[in-house]
């Protein structure tokens, strides 16, 4: 699995390097920013994160099954 290197600016204007797996493509903004901007709760965030990354990660079927389990838990816990 390849890694992506991303440079970001800190509050001290020093560039730091963040190394992440390839399936964490943040070219269009991070999944965390998307989640915040769309006011997602933890279950919604987890399901969307898994769906967005599943094809890139190489474990498509396993990740979709995990997503289904997260959604089932969501339905159970919200009543």
N, C-alpha and C. Protein backbone atom coordinates (compact mmCIF):
# COMPACT_ATOMS: atom_id res chain seq x y z
N UNK A 1 0.84 -1.17 0.00
CA UNK A 1 0.00 0.00 0.00
C UNK A 1 0.89 1.24 0.00
N UNK A 2 0.67 2.15 -0.95
CA UNK A 2 1.49 3.35 -1.05
C UNK A 2 1.08 4.40 -0.05
N UNK A 3 1.95 5.34 0.14
CA UNK A 3 1.67 6.44 1.07
C UNK A 3 1.67 7.75 0.32
N UNK A 4 0.83 8.67 0.75
CA UNK A 4 0.80 10.02 0.21
C UNK A 4 1.45 10.95 1.21
N UNK A 5 2.19 11.90 0.72
CA UNK A 5 2.80 12.88 1.60
C UNK A 5 2.14 14.22 1.33
N UNK A 6 1.69 14.88 2.39
CA UNK A 6 0.99 16.14 2.28
C UNK A 6 1.69 17.15 3.17
N UNK A 7 1.91 18.34 2.65
CA UNK A 7 2.48 19.40 3.47
C UNK A 7 1.36 20.34 3.88
N UNK A 8 1.34 20.68 5.16
CA UNK A 8 0.36 21.64 5.65
C UNK A 8 1.10 22.74 6.40
N UNK A 9 0.43 23.84 6.62
CA UNK A 9 1.03 24.94 7.36
C UNK A 9 0.53 24.90 8.80
N UNK A 10 1.43 25.06 9.74
CA UNK A 10 1.05 25.10 11.15
C UNK A 10 0.78 26.56 11.53
N UNK A 11 0.36 26.77 12.75
CA UNK A 11 0.10 28.13 13.19
C UNK A 11 1.39 28.95 13.26
N UNK A 12 2.54 28.29 13.23
CA UNK A 12 3.82 29.00 13.23
C UNK A 12 4.34 29.20 11.81
N UNK A 13 3.50 28.89 10.80
CA UNK A 13 3.86 28.97 9.39
C UNK A 13 5.06 28.09 9.05
N UNK A 14 5.21 26.99 9.77
CA UNK A 14 6.24 26.01 9.45
C UNK A 14 5.56 24.86 8.71
N UNK A 15 6.14 24.47 7.58
CA UNK A 15 5.58 23.34 6.84
C UNK A 15 5.92 22.05 7.56
N UNK A 16 4.93 21.23 7.77
CA UNK A 16 5.16 19.91 8.33
C UNK A 16 4.63 18.88 7.34
N UNK A 17 5.16 17.71 7.38
CA UNK A 17 4.76 16.67 6.44
C UNK A 17 3.89 15.64 7.14
N UNK A 18 2.76 15.34 6.53
CA UNK A 18 1.86 14.32 7.05
C UNK A 18 1.87 13.17 6.05
N UNK A 19 2.19 11.99 6.53
CA UNK A 19 2.24 10.81 5.67
C UNK A 19 1.01 9.96 5.96
N UNK A 20 0.24 9.69 4.90
CA UNK A 20 -0.99 8.92 5.05
C UNK A 20 -1.07 7.84 3.97
N UNK A 21 -1.86 6.79 4.23
CA UNK A 21 -2.06 5.76 3.20
C UNK A 21 -2.72 6.36 1.96
N UNK A 22 -2.53 5.72 0.81
CA UNK A 22 -3.08 6.21 -0.46
C UNK A 22 -4.59 6.42 -0.42
N UNK A 23 -5.31 5.54 0.28
CA UNK A 23 -6.77 5.65 0.29
C UNK A 23 -7.28 6.83 1.11
N UNK A 24 -6.39 7.59 1.73
CA UNK A 24 -6.75 8.81 2.44
C UNK A 24 -6.47 10.01 1.55
N UNK A 25 -7.07 10.07 0.39
CA UNK A 25 -6.83 11.16 -0.56
C UNK A 25 -7.57 12.41 -0.09
N UNK A 26 -6.82 13.43 0.29
CA UNK A 26 -7.41 14.67 0.79
C UNK A 26 -7.26 15.82 -0.20
N UNK A 27 -7.10 15.50 -1.49
CA UNK A 27 -6.92 16.56 -2.48
C UNK A 27 -8.09 17.54 -2.53
N UNK A 28 -9.29 17.06 -2.24
CA UNK A 28 -10.48 17.91 -2.28
C UNK A 28 -10.93 18.28 -0.88
N UNK A 29 -10.08 18.15 0.10
CA UNK A 29 -10.43 18.41 1.49
C UNK A 29 -10.60 17.08 2.20
N UNK A 30 -10.38 17.08 3.48
CA UNK A 30 -10.43 15.83 4.23
C UNK A 30 -11.87 15.39 4.49
N UNK A 31 -12.02 14.11 4.76
CA UNK A 31 -13.32 13.55 5.14
C UNK A 31 -13.78 14.16 6.47
N UNK A 32 -12.83 14.59 7.28
CA UNK A 32 -13.15 15.21 8.57
C UNK A 32 -13.79 16.59 8.36
N UNK A 33 -13.24 17.35 7.42
CA UNK A 33 -13.82 18.66 7.10
C UNK A 33 -15.21 18.48 6.48
N UNK A 34 -15.35 17.51 5.57
CA UNK A 34 -16.64 17.20 4.98
C UNK A 34 -17.66 16.88 6.07
N UNK A 35 -17.24 16.05 7.02
CA UNK A 35 -18.11 15.65 8.13
C UNK A 35 -18.55 16.86 8.96
N UNK A 36 -17.62 17.71 9.27
CA UNK A 36 -17.93 18.91 10.06
C UNK A 36 -18.88 19.82 9.30
N UNK A 37 -18.58 20.06 8.02
CA UNK A 37 -19.40 20.96 7.21
C UNK A 37 -20.82 20.44 7.01
N UNK A 38 -21.00 19.12 7.07
CA UNK A 38 -22.32 18.51 6.86
C UNK A 38 -22.95 18.04 8.16
N UNK A 39 -22.34 18.40 9.29
CA UNK A 39 -22.86 18.10 10.62
C UNK A 39 -23.20 16.62 10.79
N UNK A 40 -22.30 15.74 10.36
CA UNK A 40 -22.52 14.30 10.48
C UNK A 40 -22.25 13.84 11.91
N UNK A 41 -23.03 12.86 12.36
CA UNK A 41 -22.74 12.26 13.65
C UNK A 41 -21.71 11.14 13.45
N UNK A 42 -21.34 10.47 14.51
CA UNK A 42 -20.28 9.45 14.43
C UNK A 42 -20.64 8.30 13.51
N UNK A 43 -21.89 7.83 13.55
CA UNK A 43 -22.29 6.70 12.70
C UNK A 43 -22.26 7.11 11.23
N UNK A 44 -22.80 8.28 10.92
CA UNK A 44 -22.83 8.77 9.54
C UNK A 44 -21.42 8.97 9.01
N UNK A 45 -20.58 9.57 9.85
CA UNK A 45 -19.19 9.78 9.45
C UNK A 45 -18.50 8.45 9.13
N UNK A 46 -18.67 7.47 10.02
CA UNK A 46 -18.00 6.18 9.84
C UNK A 46 -18.47 5.49 8.57
N UNK A 47 -19.78 5.49 8.32
CA UNK A 47 -20.32 4.84 7.12
C UNK A 47 -19.80 5.52 5.85
N UNK A 48 -19.85 6.83 5.81
CA UNK A 48 -19.39 7.56 4.62
C UNK A 48 -17.89 7.36 4.42
N UNK A 49 -17.13 7.42 5.49
CA UNK A 49 -15.67 7.21 5.41
C UNK A 49 -15.36 5.86 4.78
N UNK A 50 -16.05 4.82 5.24
CA UNK A 50 -15.80 3.47 4.72
C UNK A 50 -16.18 3.37 3.25
N UNK A 51 -17.31 3.96 2.86
CA UNK A 51 -17.75 3.90 1.47
C UNK A 51 -16.78 4.65 0.56
N UNK A 52 -16.34 5.81 0.97
CA UNK A 52 -15.44 6.62 0.16
C UNK A 52 -14.10 5.91 -0.07
N UNK A 53 -13.63 5.19 0.93
CA UNK A 53 -12.29 4.59 0.85
C UNK A 53 -12.27 3.13 0.42
N UNK A 54 -13.42 2.45 0.40
CA UNK A 54 -13.41 0.98 0.23
C UNK A 54 -12.79 0.51 -1.08
N UNK A 55 -13.03 1.18 -2.19
CA UNK A 55 -12.46 0.72 -3.46
C UNK A 55 -10.96 0.99 -3.53
N UNK A 56 -10.52 2.05 -2.92
CA UNK A 56 -9.10 2.40 -2.95
C UNK A 56 -8.27 1.51 -2.04
N UNK A 57 -8.90 1.03 -0.98
CA UNK A 57 -8.20 0.24 0.02
C UNK A 57 -7.91 -1.18 -0.43
N UNK A 58 -8.77 -1.71 -1.30
CA UNK A 58 -8.55 -3.06 -1.79
C UNK A 58 -9.29 -4.14 -1.05
N UNK A 59 -10.12 -3.77 -0.08
CA UNK A 59 -10.92 -4.73 0.69
C UNK A 59 -12.39 -4.41 0.51
N UNK A 60 -12.84 -4.25 -0.73
CA UNK A 60 -14.17 -3.74 -1.02
C UNK A 60 -15.27 -4.47 -0.27
N UNK A 61 -15.36 -5.79 -0.46
CA UNK A 61 -16.46 -6.55 0.13
C UNK A 61 -16.43 -6.47 1.66
N UNK A 62 -15.26 -6.64 2.24
CA UNK A 62 -15.12 -6.58 3.69
C UNK A 62 -15.53 -5.21 4.23
N UNK A 63 -15.10 -4.15 3.54
CA UNK A 63 -15.42 -2.80 4.00
C UNK A 63 -16.90 -2.48 3.84
N UNK A 64 -17.54 -2.97 2.77
CA UNK A 64 -18.98 -2.76 2.60
C UNK A 64 -19.74 -3.49 3.69
N UNK A 65 -19.31 -4.72 4.02
CA UNK A 65 -19.95 -5.46 5.10
C UNK A 65 -19.81 -4.74 6.44
N UNK A 66 -18.65 -4.16 6.70
CA UNK A 66 -18.45 -3.38 7.92
C UNK A 66 -19.37 -2.15 7.92
N UNK A 67 -19.52 -1.53 6.76
CA UNK A 67 -20.40 -0.36 6.64
C UNK A 67 -21.84 -0.74 6.96
N UNK A 68 -22.28 -1.89 6.44
CA UNK A 68 -23.63 -2.37 6.72
C UNK A 68 -23.81 -2.60 8.21
N UNK A 69 -22.80 -3.16 8.86
CA UNK A 69 -22.86 -3.39 10.31
C UNK A 69 -22.94 -2.08 11.08
N UNK A 70 -22.19 -1.08 10.64
CA UNK A 70 -22.24 0.24 11.29
C UNK A 70 -23.64 0.82 11.16
N UNK A 71 -24.23 0.71 9.98
CA UNK A 71 -25.58 1.25 9.76
C UNK A 71 -26.63 0.49 10.56
N UNK A 72 -26.46 -0.82 10.70
CA UNK A 72 -27.38 -1.60 11.54
C UNK A 72 -27.28 -1.17 13.00
N UNK A 73 -26.06 -0.95 13.46
CA UNK A 73 -25.85 -0.47 14.84
C UNK A 73 -26.49 0.90 15.02
N UNK A 74 -26.32 1.77 14.04
CA UNK A 74 -26.92 3.10 14.07
C UNK A 74 -28.44 2.99 14.23
N UNK A 75 -29.07 2.16 13.40
CA UNK A 75 -30.52 1.99 13.48
C UNK A 75 -30.96 1.43 14.84
N UNK A 76 -30.19 0.49 15.36
CA UNK A 76 -30.51 -0.13 16.65
C UNK A 76 -30.40 0.90 17.78
N UNK A 77 -29.34 1.67 17.76
CA UNK A 77 -29.08 2.58 18.88
C UNK A 77 -29.93 3.84 18.87
N UNK A 78 -30.42 4.24 17.70
CA UNK A 78 -31.26 5.46 17.69
C UNK A 78 -32.73 5.12 17.87
N UNK A 79 -33.02 3.81 17.91
CA UNK A 79 -34.38 3.36 18.20
C UNK A 79 -35.21 3.31 17.00
